[in-house]
PDB file of N, CA and C in Angstrom:
ATOM      1  N   MET A   1       0.474  -0.856   0.315  1.00  0.00           N
ATOM      2  CA  MET A   1      -0.096   0.022  -0.235  1.00  0.00           C
ATOM      3  C   MET A   1       0.822   1.070   0.116  1.00  0.00           C
ATOM      4  N   VAL A   2       2.375   1.391   0.905  1.00  0.00           N
ATOM      5  CA  VAL A   2       2.830   2.565   0.939  1.00  0.00           C
ATOM      6  C   VAL A   2       2.920   2.756  -0.446  1.00  0.00           C
ATOM      7  N   SER A   3       3.957   1.578  -0.746  1.00  0.00           N
ATOM      8  CA  SER A   3       4.857   1.576  -2.435  1.00  0.00           C
ATOM      9  C   SER A   3       3.575   1.753  -3.463  1.00  0.00           C
ATOM     10  N   ALA A   4       2.519   1.130  -3.461  1.00  0.00           N
ATOM     11  CA  ALA A   4       1.461   2.263  -3.888  1.00  0.00           C
ATOM     12  C   ALA A   4       1.727   3.884  -3.893  1.00  0.00           C
ATOM     13  N   LEU A   5       1.246   4.361  -2.780  1.00  0.00           N
ATOM     14  CA  LEU A   5       1.063   4.879  -2.643  1.00  0.00           C
ATOM     15  C   LEU A   5       2.584   6.513  -3.714  1.00  0.00           C
ATOM     16  N   VAL A   6       3.320   5.844  -2.942  1.00  0.00           N
ATOM     17  CA  VAL A   6       4.925   6.587  -3.197  1.00  0.00           C
ATOM     18  C   VAL A   6       4.764   6.476  -4.930  1.00  0.00           C
ATOM     19  N   ALA A   7       4.506   5.872  -5.392  1.00  0.00           N
ATOM     20  CA  ALA A   7       4.422   5.608  -6.952  1.00  0.00           C
ATOM     21  C   ALA A   7       3.681   6.652  -7.191  1.00  0.00           C
ATOM     22  N   VAL A   8       1.969   7.050  -6.979  1.00  0.00           N
ATOM     23  CA  VAL A   8       1.500   7.486  -7.404  1.00  0.00           C
ATOM     24  C   VAL A   8       2.065   9.024  -7.196  1.00  0.00           C
ATOM     25  N   ALA A   9       2.736   9.175  -6.163  1.00  0.00           N
ATOM     26  CA  ALA A   9       3.463  10.836  -5.948  1.00  0.00           C
ATOM     27  C   ALA A   9       3.985  10.996  -6.849  1.00  0.00           C
ATOM     28  N   VAL A  10       5.592  10.020  -7.137  1.00  0.00           N
ATOM     29  CA  VAL A  10       5.966  10.328  -7.782  1.00  0.00           C
ATOM     30  C   VAL A  10       5.735  10.999  -8.669  1.00  0.00           C
ATOM     31  N   ILE A  11       4.830   9.970  -9.665  1.00  0.00           N
ATOM     32  CA  ILE A  11       3.953   9.983 -11.163  1.00  0.00           C
ATOM     33  C   ILE A  11       3.837  11.384 -10.974  1.00  0.00           C
ATOM     34  N   ALA A  12       2.894  12.023 -10.004  1.00  0.00           N
ATOM     35  CA  ALA A  12       1.909  13.514  -9.582  1.00  0.00           C
ATOM     36  C   ALA A  12       2.944  14.162 -10.239  1.00  0.00           C
ATOM     37  N   TRP A  13       4.167  13.565  -9.425  1.00  0.00           N
ATOM     38  CA  TRP A  13       5.316  14.689  -9.337  1.00  0.00           C
ATOM     39  C   TRP A  13       6.078  15.232 -10.677  1.00  0.00           C
ATOM     40  N   LEU A  14       6.034  14.133 -11.321  1.00  0.00           N
ATOM     41  CA  LEU A  14       7.140  13.708 -12.680  1.00  0.00           C
ATOM     42  C   LEU A  14       5.919  14.662 -13.467  1.00  0.00           C
ATOM     43  N   LEU A  15       4.634  13.974 -13.572  1.00  0.00           N
ATOM     44  CA  LEU A  15       3.680  15.369 -14.619  1.00  0.00           C
ATOM     45  C   LEU A  15       3.361  16.744 -14.328  1.00  0.00           C
ATOM     46  N   GLN A  16       3.626  16.893 -12.875  1.00  0.00           N
ATOM     47  CA  GLN A  16       3.644  18.516 -12.614  1.00  0.00           C
ATOM     48  C   GLN A  16       4.753  19.013 -13.772  1.00  0.00           C
ATOM     49  N   MET A  17       5.801  18.429 -13.088  1.00  0.00           N
ATOM     50  CA  MET A  17       7.147  19.180 -13.849  1.00  0.00           C
ATOM     51  C   MET A  17       6.646  19.213 -15.156  1.00  0.00           C
ATOM     52  N   ALA A  18       6.960  18.063 -16.142  1.00  0.00           N
ATOM     53  CA  ALA A  18       6.729  18.121 -17.606  1.00  0.00           C
ATOM     54  C   ALA A  18       5.668  18.803 -17.732  1.00  0.00           C
ATOM     55  N   LEU A  19       4.637  19.233 -17.788  1.00  0.00           N
ATOM     56  CA  LEU A  19       3.550  20.168 -17.911  1.00  0.00           C
ATOM     57  C   LEU A  19       3.859  21.807 -17.249  1.00  0.00           C
ATOM     58  N   GLY A  20       4.805  21.731 -16.093  1.00  0.00           N
ATOM     59  CA  GLY A  20       5.136  23.069 -16.051  1.00  0.00           C
ATOM     60  C   GLY A  20       6.649  23.666 -16.721  1.00  0.00           C
ATOM     61  N   GLY A  21       7.157  22.539 -17.593  1.00  0.00           N
ATOM     62  CA  GLY A  21       7.912  22.500 -18.394  1.00  0.00           C
ATOM     63  C   GLY A  21       7.374  23.271 -19.633  1.00  0.00           C
ATOM     64  N   TRP A  22       6.345  22.514 -19.915  1.00  0.00           N
ATOM     65  CA  TRP A  22       5.263  23.015 -21.216  1.00  0.00           C
ATOM     66  C   TRP A  22       5.050  24.177 -21.417  1.00  0.00           C
ATOM     67  N   GLN A  23       4.036  24.644 -20.458  1.00  0.00           N
ATOM     68  CA  GLN A  23       4.129  26.186 -20.060  1.00  0.00           C
ATOM     69  C   GLN A  23       5.127  27.077 -20.298  1.00  0.00           C
ATOM     70  N   ILE A  24       5.733  26.774 -19.102  1.00  0.00           N
ATOM     71  CA  ILE A  24       7.171  27.604 -19.657  1.00  0.00           C
ATOM     72  C   ILE A  24       8.064  28.056 -21.261  1.00  0.00           C
ATOM     73  N   HIS A  25       7.361  26.469 -22.185  1.00  0.00           N
ATOM     74  CA  HIS A  25       8.359  26.567 -23.586  1.00  0.00           C
ATOM     75  C   HIS A  25       7.045  27.584 -23.958  1.00  0.00           C
ATOM     76  N   ARG A  26       5.816  27.361 -23.648  1.00  0.00           N
ATOM     77  CA  ARG A  26       4.873  28.137 -24.371  1.00  0.00           C
ATOM     78  C   ARG A  26       4.959  29.822 -24.160  1.00  0.00           C
ATOM     79  N   PHE A  27       5.275  29.814 -23.202  1.00  0.00           N
ATOM     80  CA  PHE A  27       5.343  31.237 -22.202  1.00  0.00           C
ATOM     81  C   PHE A  27       6.387  32.297 -23.481  1.00  0.00           C
ATOM     82  N   ASN A  28       7.719  31.505 -23.245  1.00  0.00           N
ATOM     83  CA  ASN A  28       9.309  31.843 -23.708  1.00  0.00           C
ATOM     84  C   ASN A  28       8.588  32.561 -25.409  1.00  0.00           C
ATOM     85  N   ARG A  29       8.149  31.328 -25.458  1.00  0.00           N
ATOM     86  CA  ARG A  29       8.134  31.083 -27.213  1.00  0.00           C
ATOM     87  C   ARG A  29       7.197  32.670 -27.822  1.00  0.00           C
ATOM     88  N   ALA A  30       5.822  33.083 -26.743  1.00  0.00           N
ATOM     89  CA  ALA A  30       5.491  34.207 -27.123  1.00  0.00           C
ATOM     90  C   ALA A  30       5.700  34.989 -26.555  1.00  0.00           C
ATOM     91  N   PHE A  31       6.873  34.905 -25.643  1.00  0.00           N
ATOM     92  CA  PHE A  31       7.231  36.392 -24.823  1.00  0.00           C
ATOM     93  C   PHE A  31       8.382  36.697 -26.059  1.00  0.00           C
ATOM     94  N   ASP A  32       9.597  35.674 -26.555  1.00  0.00           N
ATOM     95  CA  ASP A  32      10.109  35.921 -27.788  1.00  0.00           C
ATOM     96  C   ASP A  32       9.846  36.532 -29.113  1.00  0.00           C
ATOM     97  N   LYS A  33       8.566  36.125 -29.120  1.00  0.00           N
ATOM     98  CA  LYS A  33       7.737  36.851 -30.451  1.00  0.00           C
ATOM     99  C   LYS A  33       7.379  38.365 -29.927  1.00  0.00           C
ATOM    100  N   LEU A  34       6.799  38.484 -28.612  1.00  0.00           N
ATOM    101  CA  LEU A  34       6.847  39.866 -28.097  1.00  0.00           C
ATOM    102  C   LEU A  34       8.091  40.728 -28.146  1.00  0.00           C
ATOM    103  N   CYS A  35       9.014  40.312 -27.618  1.00  0.00           N
ATOM    104  CA  CYS A  35      10.375  40.819 -27.453  1.00  0.00           C
ATOM    105  C   CYS A  35      10.817  42.063 -29.516  1.00  0.00           C
ATOM    106  N   GLN A  36      10.228  40.478 -30.389  1.00  0.00           N
ATOM    107  CA  GLN A  36      10.606  40.847 -31.748  1.00  0.00           C
ATOM    108  C   GLN A  36      10.155  42.546 -32.234  1.00  0.00           C
ATOM    109  N   GLN A  37       8.871  42.460 -31.528  1.00  0.00           N
ATOM    110  CA  GLN A  37       8.290  43.758 -31.621  1.00  0.00           C
ATOM    111  C   GLN A  37       8.426  45.010 -31.551  1.00  0.00           C
ATOM    112  N   GLY A  38       9.593  45.339 -29.966  1.00  0.00           N
ATOM    113  CA  GLY A  38       9.868  46.608 -29.407  1.00  0.00           C
ATOM    114  C   GLY A  38      10.371  46.329 -28.161  1.00  0.00           C
ATOM    115  N   ARG A  39      11.050  47.751 -27.444  1.00  0.00           N
ATOM    116  CA  ARG A  39      11.207  47.120 -26.103  1.00  0.00           C
ATOM    117  C   ARG A  39      10.000  46.977 -25.224  1.00  0.00           C
ATOM    118  N   VAL A  40      10.574  45.672 -24.514  1.00  0.00           N
ATOM    119  CA  VAL A  40       9.655  45.098 -23.540  1.00  0.00           C
ATOM    120  C   VAL A  40       8.891  45.490 -21.740  1.00  0.00           C
ATOM    121  N   GLY A  41       8.896  45.959 -21.258  1.00  0.00           N
ATOM    122  CA  GLY A  41       7.908  45.793 -20.004  1.00  0.00           C
ATOM    123  C   GLY A  41       7.677  44.548 -19.760  1.00  0.00           C
ATOM    124  N   VAL A  42       8.205  44.285 -18.195  1.00  0.00           N
ATOM    125  CA  VAL A  42       6.999  43.056 -17.979  1.00  0.00           C
ATOM    126  C   VAL A  42       6.883  43.362 -16.503  1.00  0.00           C
ATOM    127  N   GLY A  43       5.540  42.966 -16.021  1.00  0.00           N
ATOM    128  CA  GLY A  43       5.013  42.905 -14.650  1.00  0.00           C
ATOM    129  C   GLY A  43       4.456  41.535 -13.747  1.00  0.00           C
ATOM    130  N   ARG A  44       4.836  41.081 -12.916  1.00  0.00           N
ATOM    131  CA  ARG A  44       4.310  39.985 -12.087  1.00  0.00           C
ATOM    132  C   ARG A  44       3.377  40.468 -10.735  1.00  0.00           C
ATOM    133  N   SER A  45       2.385  39.561 -10.845  1.00  0.00           N
ATOM    134  CA  SER A  45       1.302  40.200  -9.567  1.00  0.00           C
ATOM    135  C   SER A  45       1.267  38.440  -8.640  1.00  0.00           C
ATOM    136  N   GLY A  46       0.648  38.226  -7.688  1.00  0.00           N
ATOM    137  CA  GLY A  46      -0.368  37.414  -7.067  1.00  0.00           C
ATOM    138  C   GLY A  46       0.564  36.682  -6.137  1.00  0.00           C
ATOM    139  N   GLY A  47      -0.066  35.876  -5.807  1.00  0.00           N
ATOM    140  CA  GLY A  47       0.310  34.940  -4.522  1.00  0.00           C
ATOM    141  C   GLY A  47       0.359  33.523  -4.791  1.00  0.00           C
ATOM    142  N   ARG A  48       1.260  32.690  -3.702  1.00  0.00           N
ATOM    143  CA  ARG A  48       0.779  31.430  -3.442  1.00  0.00           C
ATOM    144  C   ARG A  48      -0.293  30.687  -3.597  1.00  0.00           C
ATOM    145  N   PHE A  49      -1.418  31.241  -2.797  1.00  0.00           N
ATOM    146  CA  PHE A  49      -2.578  30.935  -3.264  1.00  0.00           C
ATOM    147  C   PHE A  49      -3.895  32.069  -4.331  1.00  0.00           C
ATOM    148  N   LYS A  50      -3.309  32.650  -4.725  1.00  0.00           N
ATOM    149  CA  LYS A  50      -3.998  33.193  -5.700  1.00  0.00           C
ATOM    150  C   LYS A  50      -3.584  33.263  -6.982  1.00  0.00           C
ATOM    151  N   PRO A  51      -4.424  33.257  -8.022  1.00  0.00           N
ATOM    152  CA  PRO A  51      -3.777  32.930  -9.474  1.00  0.00           C
ATOM    153  C   PRO A  51      -2.762  33.979  -9.658  1.00  0.00           C
ATOM    154  N   ARG A  52      -1.731  33.790 -10.236  1.00  0.00           N
ATOM    155  CA  ARG A  52      -0.250  34.277 -10.698  1.00  0.00           C
ATOM    156  C   ARG A  52      -0.890  35.388 -11.974  1.00  0.00           C
ATOM    157  N   VAL A  53      -0.130  36.193 -12.225  1.00  0.00           N
ATOM    158  CA  VAL A  53      -0.871  36.934 -13.199  1.00  0.00           C
ATOM    159  C   VAL A  53       0.614  37.443 -13.767  1.00  0.00           C
ATOM    160  N   VAL A  54       0.986  37.029 -14.671  1.00  0.00           N
ATOM    161  CA  VAL A  54       2.386  37.785 -16.008  1.00  0.00           C
ATOM    162  C   VAL A  54       2.210  39.086 -16.835  1.00  0.00           C
ATOM    163  N   VAL A  55       2.084  40.489 -17.396  1.00  0.00           N
ATOM    164  CA  VAL A  55       1.476  41.102 -18.155  1.00  0.00           C
ATOM    165  C   VAL A  55       3.032  41.523 -18.689  1.00  0.00           C
ATOM    166  N   ALA A  56       3.211  41.298 -20.122  1.00  0.00           N
ATOM    167  CA  ALA A  56       4.261  41.811 -20.692  1.00  0.00           C
ATOM    168  C   ALA A  56       3.847  42.614 -21.744  1.00  0.00           C
ATOM    169  N   ILE A  57       4.621  44.195 -21.980  1.00  0.00           N
ATOM    170  CA  ILE A  57       3.944  45.173 -23.196  1.00  0.00           C
ATOM    171  C   ILE A  57       4.939  45.859 -23.936  1.00  0.00           C
ATOM    172  N   ALA A  58       4.844  45.284 -25.102  1.00  0.00           N
ATOM    173  CA  ALA A  58       6.063  46.008 -25.770  1.00  0.00           C
ATOM    174  C   ALA A  58       5.536  47.046 -26.365  1.00  0.00           C
ATOM    175  N   LEU A  59       6.326  48.047 -26.959  1.00  0.00           N
ATOM    176  CA  LEU A  59       6.517  49.241 -27.354  1.00  0.00           C
ATOM    177  C   LEU A  59       7.334  49.549 -28.385  1.00  0.00           C
ATOM    178  N   ASP A  60       6.680  50.590 -29.110  1.00  0.00           N
ATOM    179  CA  ASP A  60       7.075  50.533 -30.101  1.00  0.00           C
ATOM    180  C   ASP A  60       8.420  51.840 -30.020  1.00  0.00           C
ATOM    181  N   ASN A  61       8.910  52.512 -31.498  1.00  0.00           N
ATOM    182  CA  ASN A  61      10.277  53.772 -30.719  1.00  0.00           C
ATOM    183  C   ASN A  61       9.754  54.670 -30.435  1.00  0.00           C
ATOM    184  N   ASN A  62       7.845  54.839 -31.136  1.00  0.00           N
ATOM    185  CA  ASN A  62       6.559  55.997 -30.715  1.00  0.00           C
ATOM    186  C   ASN A  62       6.303  55.932 -29.131  1.00  0.00           C
ATOM    187  N   ASP A  63       6.712  55.269 -28.345  1.00  0.00           N
ATOM    188  CA  ASP A  63       5.962  54.850 -27.005  1.00  0.00           C
ATOM    189  C   ASP A  63       4.770  54.524 -27.167  1.00  0.00           C
ATOM    190  N   ASN A  64       4.368  53.921 -28.408  1.00  0.00           N
ATOM    191  CA  ASN A  64       2.900  53.096 -28.258  1.00  0.00           C
ATOM    192  C   ASN A  64       2.739  52.039 -27.993  1.00  0.00           C
ATOM    193  N   VAL A  65       1.928  50.931 -27.798  1.00  0.00           N
ATOM    194  CA  VAL A  65       1.467  49.650 -27.580  1.00  0.00           C
ATOM    195  C   VAL A  65       1.878  48.899 -29.061  1.00  0.00           C
ATOM    196  N   ALA A  66       2.640  48.215 -29.146  1.00  0.00           N
ATOM    197  CA  ALA A  66       3.075  47.867 -30.426  1.00  0.00           C
ATOM    198  C   ALA A  66       2.327  46.175 -30.091  1.00  0.00           C
ATOM    199  N   ASP A  67       2.686  45.383 -29.194  1.00  0.00           N
ATOM    200  CA  ASP A  67       1.496  44.427 -28.438  1.00  0.00           C
ATOM    201  C   ASP A  67       1.707  44.167 -26.683  1.00  0.00           C
ATOM    202  N   THR A  68       1.125  42.546 -26.393  1.00  0.00           N
ATOM    203  CA  THR A  68       0.671  42.423 -25.634  1.00  0.00           C
ATOM    204  C   THR A  68       0.773  40.964 -25.200  1.00  0.00           C
ATOM    205  N   LEU A  69       1.137  41.077 -24.073  1.00  0.00           N
ATOM    206  CA  LEU A  69       1.029  39.211 -23.935  1.00  0.00           C
ATOM    207  C   LEU A  69       0.650  39.134 -22.280  1.00  0.00           C
ATOM    208  N   MET A  70      -0.485  38.341 -21.894  1.00  0.00           N
ATOM    209  CA  MET A  70      -0.921  38.134 -20.790  1.00  0.00           C
ATOM    210  C   MET A  70      -0.957  36.503 -20.404  1.00  0.00           C
ATOM    211  N   MET A  71      -0.497  36.331 -18.648  1.00  0.00           N
ATOM    212  CA  MET A  71      -0.781  34.784 -19.032  1.00  0.00           C
ATOM    213  C   MET A  71      -1.195  34.448 -17.076  1.00  0.00           C
ATOM    214  N   ARG A  72      -2.436  33.997 -17.003  1.00  0.00           N
ATOM    215  CA  ARG A  72      -2.753  34.249 -15.517  1.00  0.00           C
ATOM    216  C   ARG A  72      -3.130  32.742 -15.141  1.00  0.00           C
ATOM    217  N   GLY A  73      -3.509  32.869 -13.642  1.00  0.00           N
ATOM    218  CA  GLY A  73      -4.159  31.355 -13.666  1.00  0.00           C
ATOM    219  C   GLY A  73      -3.450  30.638 -12.305  1.00  0.00           C
ATOM    220  N   LEU A  74      -4.271  29.523 -12.427  1.00  0.00           N
ATOM    221  CA  LEU A  74      -3.769  28.427 -10.830  1.00  0.00           C
ATOM    222  C   LEU A  74      -2.948  27.568 -11.155  1.00  0.00           C
ATOM    223  N   THR A  75      -2.960  27.226 -12.242  1.00  0.00           N
ATOM    224  CA  THR A  75      -2.670  25.979 -12.718  1.00  0.00           C
ATOM    225  C   THR A  75      -1.902  26.443 -13.635  1.00  0.00           C
ATOM    226  N   VAL A  76      -0.867  25.185 -14.582  1.00  0.00           N
ATOM    227  CA  VAL A  76      -0.150  24.570 -15.321  1.00  0.00           C
ATOM    228  C   VAL A  76      -1.195  24.898 -16.672  1.00  0.00           C
ATOM    229  N   PHE A  77      -2.050  24.924 -17.011  1.00  0.00           N
ATOM    230  CA  PHE A  77      -2.855  25.262 -18.466  1.00  0.00           C
ATOM    231  C   PHE A  77      -3.226  26.421 -18.565  1.00  0.00           C
ATOM    232  N   ALA A  78      -2.890  27.233 -17.787  1.00  0.00           N
ATOM    233  CA  ALA A  78      -2.533  28.773 -17.891  1.00  0.00           C
ATOM    234  C   ALA A  78      -2.315  28.938 -19.095  1.00  0.00           C
ATOM    235  N   ARG A  79      -2.841  29.226 -20.078  1.00  0.00           N
ATOM    236  CA  ARG A  79      -1.728  30.049 -21.678  1.00  0.00           C
ATOM    237  C   ARG A  79      -1.828  31.499 -21.977  1.00  0.00           C
ATOM    238  N   PRO A  80      -0.417  32.014 -22.236  1.00  0.00           N
ATOM    239  CA  PRO A  80      -0.463  33.253 -22.998  1.00  0.00           C
ATOM    240  C   PRO A  80      -1.574  33.701 -23.626  1.00  0.00           C
ATOM    241  N   GLN A  81      -2.431  34.933 -23.856  1.00  0.00           N
ATOM    242  CA  GLN A  81      -2.876  35.905 -24.459  1.00  0.00           C
ATOM    243  C   GLN A  81      -2.568  37.452 -24.599  1.00  0.00           C
ATOM    244  N   LYS A  82      -3.560  37.875 -25.455  1.00  0.00           N
ATOM    245  CA  LYS A  82      -3.420  39.291 -25.672  1.00  0.00           C
ATOM    246  C   LYS A  82      -4.208  40.146 -24.816  1.00  0.00           C
ATOM    247  N   ILE A  83      -3.654  40.680 -25.006  1.00  0.00           N
ATOM    248  CA  ILE A  83      -5.081  42.067 -23.925  1.00  0.00           C
ATOM    249  C   ILE A  83      -5.506  42.670 -25.137  1.00  0.00           C
ATOM    250  N   ALA A  84      -7.093  43.082 -24.913  1.00  0.00           N
ATOM    251  CA  ALA A  84      -7.608  43.427 -26.035  1.00  0.00           C
ATOM    252  C   ALA A  84      -7.747  44.963 -25.733  1.00  0.00           C
ATOM    253  N   GLY A  85      -7.715  45.157 -27.100  1.00  0.00           N
ATOM    254  CA  GLY A  85      -7.513  47.278 -27.446  1.00  0.00           C
ATOM    255  C   GLY A  85      -6.354  47.442 -27.102  1.00  0.00           C
ATOM    256  N   LEU A  86      -5.523  46.893 -26.581  1.00  0.00           N
ATOM    257  CA  LEU A  86      -4.233  48.198 -26.602  1.00  0.00           C
ATOM    258  C   LEU A  86      -2.997  48.160 -27.228  1.00  0.00           C
ATOM    259  N   GLU A  87      -3.272  47.636 -28.743  1.00  0.00           N
ATOM    260  CA  GLU A  87      -2.114  47.368 -29.548  1.00  0.00           C
ATOM    261  C   GLU A  87      -2.601  49.352 -30.182  1.00  0.00           C
ATOM    262  N   GLY A  88      -1.918  49.502 -29.801  1.00  0.00           N
ATOM    263  CA  GLY A  88      -1.355  51.157 -30.664  1.00  0.00           C
ATOM    264  C   GLY A  88      -1.750  52.277 -29.802  1.00  0.00           C
ATOM    265  N   LYS A  89      -1.745  52.233 -28.477  1.00  0.00           N
ATOM    266  CA  LYS A  89      -2.441  52.959 -28.027  1.00  0.00           C
ATOM    267  C   LYS A  89      -0.965  53.759 -27.002  1.00  0.00           C
ATOM    268  N   PRO A  90      -1.196  55.104 -26.612  1.00  0.00           N
ATOM    269  CA  PRO A  90       0.024  55.736 -26.760  1.00  0.00           C
ATOM    270  C   PRO A  90       0.548  55.137 -25.251  1.00  0.00           C
ATOM    271  N   LEU A  91       1.815  54.817 -24.762  1.00  0.00           N
ATOM    272  CA  LEU A  91       2.453  54.784 -22.956  1.00  0.00           C
ATOM    273  C   LEU A  91       1.543  55.963 -22.245  1.00  0.00           C
ATOM    274  N   LYS A  92       1.477  56.839 -22.526  1.00  0.00           N
ATOM    275  CA  LYS A  92       0.912  57.860 -21.783  1.00  0.00           C
ATOM    276  C   LYS A  92      -0.824  57.312 -21.193  1.00  0.00           C
ATOM    277  N   GLU A  93      -1.103  57.328 -22.134  1.00  0.00           N
ATOM    278  CA  GLU A  93      -3.103  56.802 -21.659  1.00  0.00           C
ATOM    279  C   GLU A  93      -2.889  55.510 -20.580  1.00  0.00           C
ATOM    280  N   LEU A  94      -2.417  54.906 -20.668  1.00  0.00           N
ATOM    281  CA  LEU A  94      -2.262  53.467 -20.043  1.00  0.00           C
ATOM    282  C   LEU A  94      -2.695  53.162 -18.968  1.00  0.00           C
ATOM    283  N   GLN A  95      -3.895  53.011 -18.277  1.00  0.00           N
ATOM    284  CA  GLN A  95      -4.420  53.144 -16.939  1.00  0.00           C
ATOM    285  C   GLN A  95      -4.551  52.504 -16.725  1.00  0.00           C
ATOM    286  N   PRO A  96      -3.602  50.882 -15.491  1.00  0.00           N
ATOM    287  CA  PRO A  96      -3.645  49.995 -15.243  1.00  0.00           C
ATOM    288  C   PRO A  96      -5.403  49.799 -14.585  1.00  0.00           C
ATOM    289  N   ASP A  97      -6.008  51.103 -13.997  1.00  0.00           N
ATOM    290  CA  ASP A  97      -7.589  50.652 -13.512  1.00  0.00           C
ATOM    291  C   ASP A  97      -8.627  51.029 -13.992  1.00  0.00           C
ATOM    292  N   VAL A  98      -8.321  51.457 -15.752  1.00  0.00           N
ATOM    293  CA  VAL A  98      -9.528  51.422 -16.391  1.00  0.00           C
ATOM    294  C   VAL A  98      -8.968  50.516 -16.994  1.00  0.00           C
ATOM    295  N   ILE A  99      -8.036  50.085 -17.332  1.00  0.00           N
ATOM    296  CA  ILE A  99      -8.304  48.484 -18.384  1.00  0.00           C
ATOM    297  C   ILE A  99      -8.664  47.233 -17.361  1.00  0.00           C
ATOM    298  N   PHE A 100      -8.014  47.617 -16.193  1.00  0.00           N
ATOM    299  CA  PHE A 100      -8.353  46.047 -15.703  1.00  0.00           C
ATOM    300  C   PHE A 100      -9.435  46.525 -14.252  1.00  0.00           C
ATOM    301  N   PRO A 101     -11.088  47.078 -14.617  1.00  0.00           N
ATOM    302  CA  PRO A 101     -11.553  47.890 -13.406  1.00  0.00           C
ATOM    303  C   PRO A 101     -11.607  46.894 -12.168  1.00  0.00           C
ATOM    304  N   HIS A 102     -11.690  45.965 -12.790  1.00  0.00           N
ATOM    305  CA  HIS A 102     -12.273  44.735 -11.861  1.00  0.00           C
ATOM    306  C   HIS A 102     -11.273  43.482 -10.986  1.00  0.00           C
ATOM    307  N   ASP A 103      -9.901  44.545 -11.554  1.00  0.00           N
ATOM    308  CA  ASP A 103      -8.795  42.770 -11.217  1.00  0.00           C
ATOM    309  C   ASP A 103      -7.907  43.415 -11.030  1.00  0.00           C
ATOM    310  N   PRO A 104      -7.629  43.484  -9.545  1.00  0.00           N
ATOM    311  CA  PRO A 104      -6.357  44.077  -8.986  1.00  0.00           C
ATOM    312  C   PRO A 104      -5.263  43.656  -9.607  1.00  0.00           C
ATOM    313  N   LEU A 105      -5.070  41.723  -9.685  1.00  0.00           N
ATOM    314  CA  LEU A 105      -3.797  41.655  -9.622  1.00  0.00           C
ATOM    315  C   LEU A 105      -3.281  41.424 -11.248  1.00  0.00           C
ATOM    316  N   CYS A 106      -4.543  41.874 -12.177  1.00  0.00           N
ATOM    317  CA  CYS A 106      -3.975  42.373 -13.274  1.00  0.00           C
ATOM    318  C   CYS A 106      -3.904  44.477 -13.036  1.00  0.00           C
ATOM    319  N   GLN A 107      -4.296  44.777 -12.210  1.00  0.00           N
ATOM    320  CA  GLN A 107      -3.691  45.768 -12.333  1.00  0.00           C
ATOM    321  C   GLN A 107      -2.880  46.574 -11.918  1.00  0.00           C
ATOM    322  N   ASN A 108      -2.120  45.252 -11.101  1.00  0.00           N
ATOM    323  CA  ASN A 108      -1.229  45.442 -10.171  1.00  0.00           C
ATOM    324  C   ASN A 108       0.298  45.037 -11.033  1.00  0.00           C
ATOM    325  N   ALA A 109       0.373  43.936 -11.342  1.00  0.00           N
ATOM    326  CA  ALA A 109       1.286  43.927 -12.809  1.00  0.00           C
ATOM    327  C   ALA A 109       1.511  44.510 -14.038  1.00  0.00           C
ATOM    328  N   LEU A 110       0.090  45.139 -14.609  1.00  0.00           N
ATOM    329  CA  LEU A 110       0.383  46.004 -15.775  1.00  0.00           C
ATOM    330  C   LEU A 110       1.558  47.206 -15.067  1.00  0.00           C
ATOM    331  N   SER A 111       1.151  47.516 -13.533  1.00  0.00           N
ATOM    332  CA  SER A 111       1.554  49.231 -13.534  1.00  0.00           C
ATOM    333  C   SER A 111       2.696  48.168 -13.167  1.00  0.00           C
ATOM    334  N   LEU A 112       3.429  47.311 -12.717  1.00  0.00           N
ATOM    335  CA  LEU A 112       5.004  46.649 -12.835  1.00  0.00           C
ATOM    336  C   LEU A 112       5.460  47.014 -13.831  1.00  0.00           C
ATOM    337  N   ALA A 113       4.858  46.596 -14.896  1.00  0.00           N
ATOM    338  CA  ALA A 113       5.305  46.393 -16.680  1.00  0.00           C
ATOM    339  C   ALA A 113       5.200  47.113 -17.008  1.00  0.00           C
ATOM    340  N   LEU A 114       4.630  48.472 -16.934  1.00  0.00           N
ATOM    341  CA  LEU A 114       4.617  50.050 -16.788  1.00  0.00           C
ATOM    342  C   LEU A 114       5.880  50.556 -16.458  1.00  0.00           C
ATOM    343  N   LYS A 115       6.276  50.637 -14.789  1.00  0.00           N
ATOM    344  CA  LYS A 115       7.351  51.569 -14.566  1.00  0.00           C
ATOM    345  C   LYS A 115       8.438  50.865 -14.908  1.00  0.00           C
ATOM    346  N   LEU A 116       8.411  49.895 -16.035  1.00  0.00           N
ATOM    347  CA  LEU A 116       9.731  49.132 -15.528  1.00  0.00           C
ATOM    348  C   LEU A 116      10.275  50.295 -17.373  1.00  0.00           C
ATOM    349  N   LYS A 117       9.261  50.066 -18.351  1.00  0.00           N
ATOM    350  CA  LYS A 117       9.231  51.216 -19.132  1.00  0.00           C
ATOM    351  C   LYS A 117       9.878  52.826 -18.862  1.00  0.00           C
ATOM    352  N   HIS A 118       9.207  53.169 -17.690  1.00  0.00           N
ATOM    353  CA  HIS A 118       9.690  54.343 -17.667  1.00  0.00           C
ATOM    354  C   HIS A 118      10.914  54.178 -16.801  1.00  0.00           C
ATOM    355  N   GLY A 119      11.787  53.730 -16.206  1.00  0.00           N
ATOM    356  CA  GLY A 119      13.182  53.392 -15.379  1.00  0.00           C
ATOM    357  C   GLY A 119      13.998  52.907 -16.581  1.00  0.00           C
TER     358      GLY A 119
END
């Protein structure tokens, strides 16, 4: 009985590592494409038991949004996606509380991504 429980735990651990690696690979591919669009700012928020949010924004030479990337979730099945409606907007017009009015985690991640572009 104990050996069966150990075997299940080892299999679950290996599966979690494999799926985590797959998630990182997908994010890295999306992030590489984003980096080709221009200068990139990245922000992350969330905690151990809250959904983590990663936001990345690429800016062109005129400080307009060239492309975006957001990934959020608790599991390894979270996928990178675009933030709708930001492409082409000037950096100065981006307000995290307006873009994500009901999501403080996304607001925080976007704020951090924007601060990286000012520094």
